[in-house]
Amino acid sequence: MQRREFLKNSAILGSVALLGGALNLNANSQNLKGEAMKFITLNDGNKMPILGYGVYQIPQNDTQRCVEDAISVGYRSIDTAQAYQNELGVGAAVNSAIKGGIKREEFFITTKIWVSNATESGVLRSFEASMKKLGLDYLDLLLLHQPYNDIYGAWRAMSRLKNEGRIKSIGVSNFYPDRLVDFALNNKIKPAVNQIELNPFHQRKFDREIAKKYGVAVQSWASFGEGRNDMFNNPILKKIGEKYGKSVAQTILRYLIQLDVIVIPKTTRKERMVENFSVFDFELDANDMQTIAAMDEQTSLFNDFNHLDPKTVEMLNGWKLPD
């Protein structure tokens, strides 16, 4: 489904160095289902798995099953949003796992504030609603979903919630470099994460450089470009994957991980969850990294949903979430 179509018919879109120090990417920090998970240490000292599970476009009535499957595979980082309208399913799955013996601190749960809630009072109100749906005492990461509305007032509320211990880390999503720099310069608490479109055809090198300068971890949404540009059949990616006995999807995830980009691939099929999780047992060599880097077309795969288009901004500001 096109992102614009999804916005019109459903829940509204989904989608590194450290401030004061270098990026800290720890290998073998934790072993989940036989895989050595890697972690990014965010600029506030909190550790975030570099590989998580995203639930964008998963219907509410299927979300709990999907997240439970992901947890059984070994995923501990789960990414949702108010706009996805499936926080209830995420919360049910996570709380079921906690009751089953997995410690709350093993999970890293992310949700996002939608544009219509991006004011100081709106964040405080909608955060409580999200936490009720998730059934959690604290949140690991809260993002501003879009750089629109009263984002500075919203950030004040998010900062207050972080200082109160209700949220471990706060960040942004879909911020272009100019907005990210202005935000970092004019807020006491800098964003820990910027979640942006990032895939082999749109690698955002300049965005990543700016994020590194300001100590903001980069997270990719649509790492596979939702299959656009026939990505899963790309001959370059297929050839590189075959060299390591890996799929195109695994090759893409491994490439991004080696760039220190956090990934949250989404699938509703458990066998694909296993496939996407199995990316820590190989490493792309320098030549393969350079080959994939050369695939960058430096343009979004979602030009039907362009954040630089005033019509898109009007549309995003016009959409209100149901009560």
Foldseek 3Di string as FASTA:
>chain_A
DFQVVCLVPAQHDDFAAAVPGGWDWDWQPDAFQNFTWIWTQFNVRDTDTLEAAECAPPDQVLLLVQLLLLVNLGHQEYEEEVSSVNLLSQLVNLVVVVVVPDPPVSHAYEYEDAQVQQALVSLVVVVVVSCVSNVDQAHAEYEHREPDDPNVRSVVNVVVCCVVVRYVFYAYEPDALVRQVVQLVPDPDHHREYEYADELQAHPPVRVVSRNVSGHAYEHDPNVVVCPPVQQPDPLLCVQQVVVVAGSLLSSSLLCVVVRYRYHDYDSDSVVSNRNSPNRPDHRDPVSSVVSNVNYNNDRSNPVQDPVDVVNVVSSNPDDDDD
